[in-house]
Amino acid sequence: MDGVAQPEFAEPIPYQNQYQGQFGEFTITPSDRRGVVIYRAGLMAAALCFAAGAILALWQGENPTVQMALTLLYTGFSLGLGVSLLMIHIYMVTLHRALQAFWLVGSLAALAVGHFYPEPFALTVYQHPVTILGVGFTFAALTGIFFKEAFCFNRLETKLLTPTVPLLLLSHWLGWLPLGVEQGLLAVWAALFIVFAIRKVIQPIPPDIGDKSVFEYLQNLKAANLKAAKV
């Protein structure tokens, strides 16, 4: 992504996993592959927790036991997203760090909401839309992943999710849409999130690693700039 061409990922040289990148050859290691697997596992965990939470909220959202369960599911969603943001490959380091910072701010806000309000977490966010100003940072980080995947892989579901997430959150905060429309958007979000996670599982691993020659080039460029600044 970030305007850098993806490598072709032709068949690698046997036993070497070497690929031709924009700035030279690079090797995909077992560690690289493990990182992608962890990234996708985090996405799947987040998607499953979110989808389960959406189903429960739409089905029996007024049930106190369900409301308590939603807190646990949100925790699983947030942790899965955090793991994915740790392992995701993004060429722009500043963008990567920004998404991680968004997740951290949203997580801290969720902890504050959970401890300072007497109601269960999900009910608090629903009844007090102003809490979205804090918790929403987590979903801004999620939207960043959707945007990255849409840009890099041209996936339809992420193209739809990228506007759907902020639309639902902003509309609830500002009271723009009736409850039925919000529920419909939530169902669409949950379904597309599951589709996205499943498609990531079956996607070949090398494209998620990206062009490692670009990462090396950017690191060398940064080192050269730092060295020049000290002269």
C-alpha atoms as a PDB file:
ATOM      1  CA  MET A   1       0.000   0.000   0.000  1.00  0.00           C
ATOM      2  CA  ASP A   2       1.014   3.691   0.448  1.00  0.00           C
ATOM      3  CA  GLY A   3       1.572   4.091  -3.282  1.00  0.00           C
ATOM      4  CA  VAL A   4       4.261   1.395  -3.463  1.00  0.00           C
ATOM      5  CA  ALA A   5       3.781  -1.334  -6.031  1.00  0.00           C
ATOM      6  CA  GLN A   6       3.237  -4.801  -4.617  1.00  0.00           C
ATOM      7  CA  PRO A   7       5.808  -7.432  -5.696  1.00  0.00           C
ATOM      8  CA  GLU A   8       4.689  -9.940  -8.273  1.00  0.00           C
ATOM      9  CA  PHE A   9       5.180 -12.924  -5.957  1.00  0.00           C
ATOM     10  CA  ALA A  10       6.027 -15.300  -8.771  1.00  0.00           C
ATOM     11  CA  GLU A  11       6.945 -18.852  -7.811  1.00  0.00           C
ATOM     12  CA  PRO A  12       9.895 -18.586  -5.382  1.00  0.00           C
ATOM     13  CA  ILE A  13      13.228 -20.258  -5.922  1.00  0.00           C
ATOM     14  CA  PRO A  14      12.967 -23.730  -4.331  1.00  0.00           C
ATOM     15  CA  TYR A  15      13.943 -23.815  -0.633  1.00  0.00           C
ATOM     16  CA  GLN A  16      14.908 -20.139  -0.647  1.00  0.00           C
ATOM     17  CA  ASN A  17      11.613 -18.239  -0.741  1.00  0.00           C
ATOM     18  CA  GLN A  18      13.239 -15.415  -2.678  1.00  0.00           C
ATOM     19  CA  TYR A  19      11.154 -12.793  -4.447  1.00  0.00           C
ATOM     20  CA  GLN A  20      11.876  -9.820  -6.654  1.00  0.00           C
ATOM     21  CA  GLY A  21      10.841  -6.543  -5.059  1.00  0.00           C
ATOM     22  CA  GLN A  22      10.890  -2.957  -6.219  1.00  0.00           C
ATOM     23  CA  PHE A  23      14.328  -2.331  -4.736  1.00  0.00           C
ATOM     24  CA  GLY A  24      15.875  -5.774  -5.152  1.00  0.00           C
ATOM     25  CA  GLU A  25      15.432  -9.356  -4.091  1.00  0.00           C
ATOM     26  CA  PHE A  26      14.196 -10.306  -0.652  1.00  0.00           C
ATOM     27  CA  THR A  27      13.605 -13.498   1.288  1.00  0.00           C
ATOM     28  CA  ILE A  28      10.458 -14.496   3.141  1.00  0.00           C
ATOM     29  CA  THR A  29      11.379 -16.280   6.345  1.00  0.00           C
ATOM     30  CA  PRO A  30       9.369 -18.631   8.572  1.00  0.00           C
ATOM     31  CA  SER A  31       9.181 -15.760  11.061  1.00  0.00           C
ATOM     32  CA  ASP A  32       7.529 -13.575   8.415  1.00  0.00           C
ATOM     33  CA  ARG A  33       4.949 -16.263   7.781  1.00  0.00           C
ATOM     34  CA  ARG A  34       4.247 -16.711  11.496  1.00  0.00           C
ATOM     35  CA  GLY A  35       3.658 -12.981  11.772  1.00  0.00           C
ATOM     36  CA  VAL A  36       1.030 -13.111   9.035  1.00  0.00           C
ATOM     37  CA  VAL A  37      -0.665 -16.096  10.657  1.00  0.00           C
ATOM     38  CA  ILE A  38      -0.822 -14.217  13.972  1.00  0.00           C
ATOM     39  CA  TYR A  39      -2.158 -11.112  12.193  1.00  0.00           C
ATOM     40  CA  ARG A  40      -4.929 -13.130  10.597  1.00  0.00           C
ATOM     41  CA  ALA A  41      -5.688 -15.027  13.808  1.00  0.00           C
ATOM     42  CA  GLY A  42      -6.148 -11.700  15.587  1.00  0.00           C
ATOM     43  CA  LEU A  43      -8.519 -10.526  12.865  1.00  0.00           C
ATOM     44  CA  MET A  44     -10.508 -13.755  13.044  1.00  0.00           C
ATOM     45  CA  ALA A  45     -10.800 -13.532  16.832  1.00  0.00           C
ATOM     46  CA  ALA A  46     -11.909  -9.903  16.572  1.00  0.00           C
ATOM     47  CA  ALA A  47     -14.432 -10.705  13.834  1.00  0.00           C
ATOM     48  CA  LEU A  48     -15.919 -13.678  15.687  1.00  0.00           C
ATOM     49  CA  CYS A  49     -16.259 -11.737  18.940  1.00  0.00           C
ATOM     50  CA  PHE A  50     -17.781  -8.758  17.138  1.00  0.00           C
ATOM     51  CA  ALA A  51     -20.224 -10.885  15.146  1.00  0.00           C
ATOM     52  CA  ALA A  52     -21.288 -12.834  18.239  1.00  0.00           C
ATOM     53  CA  GLY A  53     -21.772  -9.580  20.114  1.00  0.00           C
ATOM     54  CA  ALA A  54     -23.829  -8.086  17.277  1.00  0.00           C
ATOM     55  CA  ILE A  55     -26.084 -11.150  17.133  1.00  0.00           C
ATOM     56  CA  LEU A  56     -26.667 -11.093  20.887  1.00  0.00           C
ATOM     57  CA  ALA A  57     -27.270  -7.337  20.920  1.00  0.00           C
ATOM     58  CA  LEU A  58     -29.789  -7.524  18.077  1.00  0.00           C
ATOM     59  CA  TRP A  59     -31.491 -10.625  19.455  1.00  0.00           C
ATOM     60  CA  GLN A  60     -31.658 -10.032  23.221  1.00  0.00           C
ATOM     61  CA  GLY A  61     -29.935  -6.745  23.843  1.00  0.00           C
ATOM     62  CA  GLU A  62     -32.159  -5.920  26.833  1.00  0.00           C
ATOM     63  CA  ASN A  63     -31.235  -9.116  28.700  1.00  0.00           C
ATOM     64  CA  PRO A  64     -28.884  -8.248  31.625  1.00  0.00           C
ATOM     65  CA  THR A  65     -26.937 -11.491  31.178  1.00  0.00           C
ATOM     66  CA  VAL A  66     -26.442 -10.728  27.495  1.00  0.00           C
ATOM     67  CA  GLN A  67     -25.284  -7.221  28.351  1.00  0.00           C
ATOM     68  CA  MET A  68     -22.615  -8.637  30.646  1.00  0.00           C
ATOM     69  CA  ALA A  69     -21.571 -11.124  27.958  1.00  0.00           C
ATOM     70  CA  LEU A  70     -21.161  -8.239  25.511  1.00  0.00           C
ATOM     71  CA  THR A  71     -18.469  -6.780  27.762  1.00  0.00           C
ATOM     72  CA  LEU A  72     -16.443  -9.992  27.538  1.00  0.00           C
ATOM     73  CA  LEU A  73     -16.958 -10.200  23.780  1.00  0.00           C
ATOM     74  CA  TYR A  74     -15.841  -6.602  23.344  1.00  0.00           C
ATOM     75  CA  THR A  75     -12.724  -7.391  25.361  1.00  0.00           C
ATOM     76  CA  GLY A  76     -11.966 -10.318  23.043  1.00  0.00           C
ATOM     77  CA  PHE A  77     -12.611  -8.136  20.006  1.00  0.00           C
ATOM     78  CA  SER A  78     -10.288  -5.411  21.277  1.00  0.00           C
ATOM     79  CA  LEU A  79      -7.489  -7.834  22.189  1.00  0.00           C
ATOM     80  CA  GLY A  80      -7.713  -9.564  18.807  1.00  0.00           C
ATOM     81  CA  LEU A  81      -7.556  -6.205  17.057  1.00  0.00           C
ATOM     82  CA  GLY A  82      -4.571  -5.195  19.165  1.00  0.00           C
ATOM     83  CA  VAL A  83      -2.680  -8.344  18.156  1.00  0.00           C
ATOM     84  CA  SER A  84      -3.428  -7.676  14.489  1.00  0.00           C
ATOM     85  CA  LEU A  85      -2.221  -4.085  14.765  1.00  0.00           C
ATOM     86  CA  LEU A  86       0.996  -5.337  16.331  1.00  0.00           C
ATOM     87  CA  MET A  87       1.715  -7.733  13.454  1.00  0.00           C
ATOM     88  CA  ILE A  88       0.289  -5.911  10.426  1.00  0.00           C
ATOM     89  CA  HIS A  89       2.729  -4.917   7.658  1.00  0.00           C
ATOM     90  CA  ILE A  90       2.427  -1.253   6.642  1.00  0.00           C
ATOM     91  CA  TYR A  91       5.161   0.538   4.730  1.00  0.00           C
ATOM     92  CA  MET A  92       4.575   3.892   6.453  1.00  0.00           C
ATOM     93  CA  VAL A  93       5.808   3.517  10.015  1.00  0.00           C
ATOM     94  CA  THR A  94       4.031   6.692  11.114  1.00  0.00           C
ATOM     95  CA  LEU A  95       0.681   5.330   9.905  1.00  0.00           C
ATOM     96  CA  HIS A  96       1.321   2.010  11.636  1.00  0.00           C
ATOM     97  CA  ARG A  97       2.119   3.765  14.908  1.00  0.00           C
ATOM     98  CA  ALA A  98      -0.920   6.034  14.533  1.00  0.00           C
ATOM     99  CA  LEU A  99      -3.268   3.051  14.227  1.00  0.00           C
ATOM    100  CA  GLN A 100      -1.667   1.448  17.270  1.00  0.00           C
ATOM    101  CA  ALA A 101      -2.044   4.728  19.179  1.00  0.00           C
ATOM    102  CA  PHE A 102      -5.719   4.903  18.195  1.00  0.00           C
ATOM    103  CA  TRP A 103      -6.218   1.390  19.544  1.00  0.00           C
ATOM    104  CA  LEU A 104      -4.484   2.282  22.810  1.00  0.00           C
ATOM    105  CA  VAL A 105      -6.543   5.442  23.307  1.00  0.00           C
ATOM    106  CA  GLY A 106      -9.745   3.542  22.550  1.00  0.00           C
ATOM    107  CA  SER A 107      -8.788   0.761  24.943  1.00  0.00           C
ATOM    108  CA  LEU A 108      -8.059   3.195  27.761  1.00  0.00           C
ATOM    109  CA  ALA A 109     -11.349   4.952  27.069  1.00  0.00           C
ATOM    110  CA  ALA A 110     -13.185   1.611  27.205  1.00  0.00           C
ATOM    111  CA  LEU A 111     -11.577   0.847  30.561  1.00  0.00           C
ATOM    112  CA  ALA A 112     -12.654   4.242  31.866  1.00  0.00           C
ATOM    113  CA  VAL A 113     -16.224   3.759  30.619  1.00  0.00           C
ATOM    114  CA  GLY A 114     -16.367   0.299  32.126  1.00  0.00           C
ATOM    115  CA  HIS A 115     -15.217   1.498  35.539  1.00  0.00           C
ATOM    116  CA  PHE A 116     -16.881   4.911  35.865  1.00  0.00           C
ATOM    117  CA  TYR A 117     -20.386   4.001  34.722  1.00  0.00           C
ATOM    118  CA  PRO A 118     -22.590   1.602  36.727  1.00  0.00           C
ATOM    119  CA  GLU A 119     -24.260   0.060  33.666  1.00  0.00           C
ATOM    120  CA  PRO A 120     -22.693  -2.737  31.585  1.00  0.00           C
ATOM    121  CA  PHE A 121     -20.229  -1.453  28.986  1.00  0.00           C
ATOM    122  CA  ALA A 122     -22.371  -1.977  25.868  1.00  0.00           C
ATOM    123  CA  LEU A 123     -25.438  -0.434  27.498  1.00  0.00           C
ATOM    124  CA  THR A 124     -23.379   2.571  28.604  1.00  0.00           C
ATOM    125  CA  VAL A 125     -22.098   3.225  25.091  1.00  0.00           C
ATOM    126  CA  TYR A 126     -25.616   2.852  23.694  1.00  0.00           C
ATOM    127  CA  GLN A 127     -27.265   5.131  26.260  1.00  0.00           C
ATOM    128  CA  HIS A 128     -24.420   7.668  26.416  1.00  0.00           C
ATOM    129  CA  PRO A 129     -23.300   8.277  22.809  1.00  0.00           C
ATOM    130  CA  VAL A 130     -20.719  10.808  23.985  1.00  0.00           C
ATOM    131  CA  THR A 131     -18.565   7.840  25.072  1.00  0.00           C
ATOM    132  CA  ILE A 132     -17.994   7.156  21.373  1.00  0.00           C
ATOM    133  CA  LEU A 133     -15.598  10.114  21.379  1.00  0.00           C
ATOM    134  CA  GLY A 134     -13.213   7.895  23.351  1.00  0.00           C
ATOM    135  CA  VAL A 135     -14.143   4.324  22.504  1.00  0.00           C
ATOM    136  CA  GLY A 136     -14.419   5.279  18.846  1.00  0.00           C
ATOM    137  CA  PHE A 137     -10.623   5.459  18.545  1.00  0.00           C
ATOM    138  CA  THR A 138     -10.551   1.660  18.630  1.00  0.00           C
ATOM    139  CA  PHE A 139     -12.898   1.571  15.667  1.00  0.00           C
ATOM    140  CA  ALA A 140     -10.859   4.228  13.892  1.00  0.00           C
ATOM    141  CA  ALA A 141      -7.937   1.781  14.110  1.00  0.00           C
ATOM    142  CA  LEU A 142     -10.158  -0.996  12.742  1.00  0.00           C
ATOM    143  CA  THR A 143     -11.256   1.260   9.896  1.00  0.00           C
ATOM    144  CA  GLY A 144      -7.587   1.870   9.157  1.00  0.00           C
ATOM    145  CA  ILE A 145      -7.090  -1.870   8.655  1.00  0.00           C
ATOM    146  CA  PHE A 146     -10.133  -2.024   6.390  1.00  0.00           C
ATOM    147  CA  PHE A 147      -8.815   0.906   4.350  1.00  0.00           C
ATOM    148  CA  LYS A 148      -5.370  -0.667   4.075  1.00  0.00           C
ATOM    149  CA  GLU A 149      -6.819  -3.964   2.892  1.00  0.00           C
ATOM    150  CA  ALA A 150      -9.118  -2.209   0.412  1.00  0.00           C
ATOM    151  CA  PHE A 151      -6.221  -0.185  -0.983  1.00  0.00           C
ATOM    152  CA  CYS A 152      -3.762  -3.081  -1.211  1.00  0.00           C
ATOM    153  CA  PHE A 153      -6.050  -5.941  -2.243  1.00  0.00           C
ATOM    154  CA  ASN A 154      -9.113  -4.238  -3.741  1.00  0.00           C
ATOM    155  CA  ARG A 155     -11.489  -6.246  -1.541  1.00  0.00           C
ATOM    156  CA  LEU A 156     -15.173  -5.390  -1.920  1.00  0.00           C
ATOM    157  CA  GLU A 157     -16.063  -6.111   1.704  1.00  0.00           C
ATOM    158  CA  THR A 158     -13.397  -3.750   3.028  1.00  0.00           C
ATOM    159  CA  LYS A 159     -14.455  -1.064   0.558  1.00  0.00           C
ATOM    160  CA  LEU A 160     -17.936  -1.302   2.075  1.00  0.00           C
ATOM    161  CA  LEU A 161     -16.710  -1.534   5.673  1.00  0.00           C
ATOM    162  CA  THR A 162     -14.476   1.541   5.417  1.00  0.00           C
ATOM    163  CA  PRO A 163     -17.445   3.976   5.258  1.00  0.00           C
ATOM    164  CA  THR A 164     -19.907   1.789   7.182  1.00  0.00           C
ATOM    165  CA  VAL A 165     -17.993   1.835  10.475  1.00  0.00           C
ATOM    166  CA  PRO A 166     -17.669   5.630  10.864  1.00  0.00           C
ATOM    167  CA  LEU A 167     -21.182   6.143   9.472  1.00  0.00           C
ATOM    168  CA  LEU A 168     -22.754   3.961  12.160  1.00  0.00           C
ATOM    169  CA  LEU A 169     -20.707   5.421  14.999  1.00  0.00           C
ATOM    170  CA  LEU A 170     -21.202   9.045  13.957  1.00  0.00           C
ATOM    171  CA  SER A 171     -24.907   8.565  13.289  1.00  0.00           C
ATOM    172  CA  HIS A 172     -25.420   7.064  16.742  1.00  0.00           C
ATOM    173  CA  TRP A 173     -23.395   9.809  18.406  1.00  0.00           C
ATOM    174  CA  LEU A 174     -25.316  12.572  16.614  1.00  0.00           C
ATOM    175  CA  GLY A 175     -28.672  10.782  16.505  1.00  0.00           C
ATOM    176  CA  TRP A 176     -28.957  10.965  12.735  1.00  0.00           C
ATOM    177  CA  LEU A 177     -30.514   7.588  11.976  1.00  0.00           C
ATOM    178  CA  PRO A 178     -33.492   5.676  13.393  1.00  0.00           C
ATOM    179  CA  LEU A 179     -32.838   2.576  15.476  1.00  0.00           C
ATOM    180  CA  GLY A 180     -33.878   0.176  12.710  1.00  0.00           C
ATOM    181  CA  VAL A 181     -31.333   1.614  10.286  1.00  0.00           C
ATOM    182  CA  GLU A 182     -28.592   1.475  12.915  1.00  0.00           C
ATOM    183  CA  GLN A 183     -29.425  -2.169  13.584  1.00  0.00           C
ATOM    184  CA  GLY A 184     -29.258  -2.901   9.854  1.00  0.00           C
ATOM    185  CA  LEU A 185     -25.841  -1.256   9.577  1.00  0.00           C
ATOM    186  CA  LEU A 186     -24.605  -3.233  12.577  1.00  0.00           C
ATOM    187  CA  ALA A 187     -25.738  -6.493  10.963  1.00  0.00           C
ATOM    188  CA  VAL A 188     -24.038  -5.555   7.683  1.00  0.00           C
ATOM    189  CA  TRP A 189     -20.852  -4.646   9.547  1.00  0.00           C
ATOM    190  CA  ALA A 190     -20.774  -7.961  11.424  1.00  0.00           C
ATOM    191  CA  ALA A 191     -21.446 -10.030   8.295  1.00  0.00           C
ATOM    192  CA  LEU A 192     -18.843  -8.259   6.159  1.00  0.00           C
ATOM    193  CA  PHE A 193     -16.283  -8.460   8.967  1.00  0.00           C
ATOM    194  CA  ILE A 194     -16.687 -12.246   9.058  1.00  0.00           C
ATOM    195  CA  VAL A 195     -16.406 -12.441   5.264  1.00  0.00           C
ATOM    196  CA  PHE A 196     -13.223 -10.368   5.417  1.00  0.00           C
ATOM    197  CA  ALA A 197     -11.656 -12.539   8.144  1.00  0.00           C
ATOM    198  CA  ILE A 198     -12.469 -15.761   6.289  1.00  0.00           C
ATOM    199  CA  ARG A 199     -11.037 -14.466   3.022  1.00  0.00           C
ATOM    200  CA  LYS A 200      -7.843 -13.471   4.834  1.00  0.00           C
ATOM    201  CA  VAL A 201      -7.445 -17.021   6.135  1.00  0.00           C
ATOM    202  CA  ILE A 202      -7.501 -18.506   2.632  1.00  0.00           C
ATOM    203  CA  GLN A 203      -5.392 -15.769   1.021  1.00  0.00           C
ATOM    204  CA  PRO A 204      -1.775 -16.697   0.128  1.00  0.00           C
ATOM    205  CA  ILE A 205       0.640 -15.502   2.804  1.00  0.00           C
ATOM    206  CA  PRO A 206       3.340 -13.627   0.791  1.00  0.00           C
ATOM    207  CA  PRO A 207       1.128 -10.700  -0.316  1.00  0.00           C
ATOM    208  CA  ASP A 208       0.375  -9.901   3.344  1.00  0.00           C
ATOM    209  CA  ILE A 209       4.097  -9.668   4.028  1.00  0.00           C
ATOM    210  CA  GLY A 210       4.515  -7.113   1.279  1.00  0.00           C
ATOM    211  CA  ASP A 211       7.664  -6.054  -0.508  1.00  0.00           C
ATOM    212  CA  LYS A 212      10.390  -6.380   2.116  1.00  0.00           C
ATOM    213  CA  SER A 213      12.820  -4.526  -0.154  1.00  0.00           C
ATOM    214  CA  VAL A 214      10.656  -1.427   0.387  1.00  0.00           C
ATOM    215  CA  PHE A 215      10.887  -1.783   4.172  1.00  0.00           C
ATOM    216  CA  GLU A 216      14.684  -2.096   3.884  1.00  0.00           C
ATOM    217  CA  TYR A 217      14.873   0.885   1.525  1.00  0.00           C
ATOM    218  CA  LEU A 218      12.830   3.059   3.892  1.00  0.00           C
ATOM    219  CA  GLN A 219      14.937   2.004   6.874  1.00  0.00           C
ATOM    220  CA  ASN A 220      18.142   2.839   5.002  1.00  0.00           C
ATOM    221  CA  LEU A 221      16.688   6.165   3.905  1.00  0.00           C
ATOM    222  CA  LYS A 222      15.749   7.038   7.465  1.00  0.00           C
ATOM    223  CA  ALA A 223      19.222   6.085   8.708  1.00  0.00           C
ATOM    224  CA  ALA A 224      20.826   8.216   5.989  1.00  0.00           C
ATOM    225  CA  ASN A 225      18.651  11.198   6.892  1.00  0.00           C
ATOM    226  CA  LEU A 226      19.522  10.857  10.569  1.00  0.00           C
ATOM    227  CA  LYS A 227      23.206  10.641   9.724  1.00  0.00           C
ATOM    228  CA  ALA A 228      22.974  13.725   7.502  1.00  0.00           C
ATOM    229  CA  ALA A 229      21.173  15.643  10.234  1.00  0.00           C
ATOM    230  CA  LYS A 230      24.026  14.983  12.677  1.00  0.00           C
ATOM    231  CA  VAL A 231      26.674  16.272  10.281  1.00  0.00           C
END
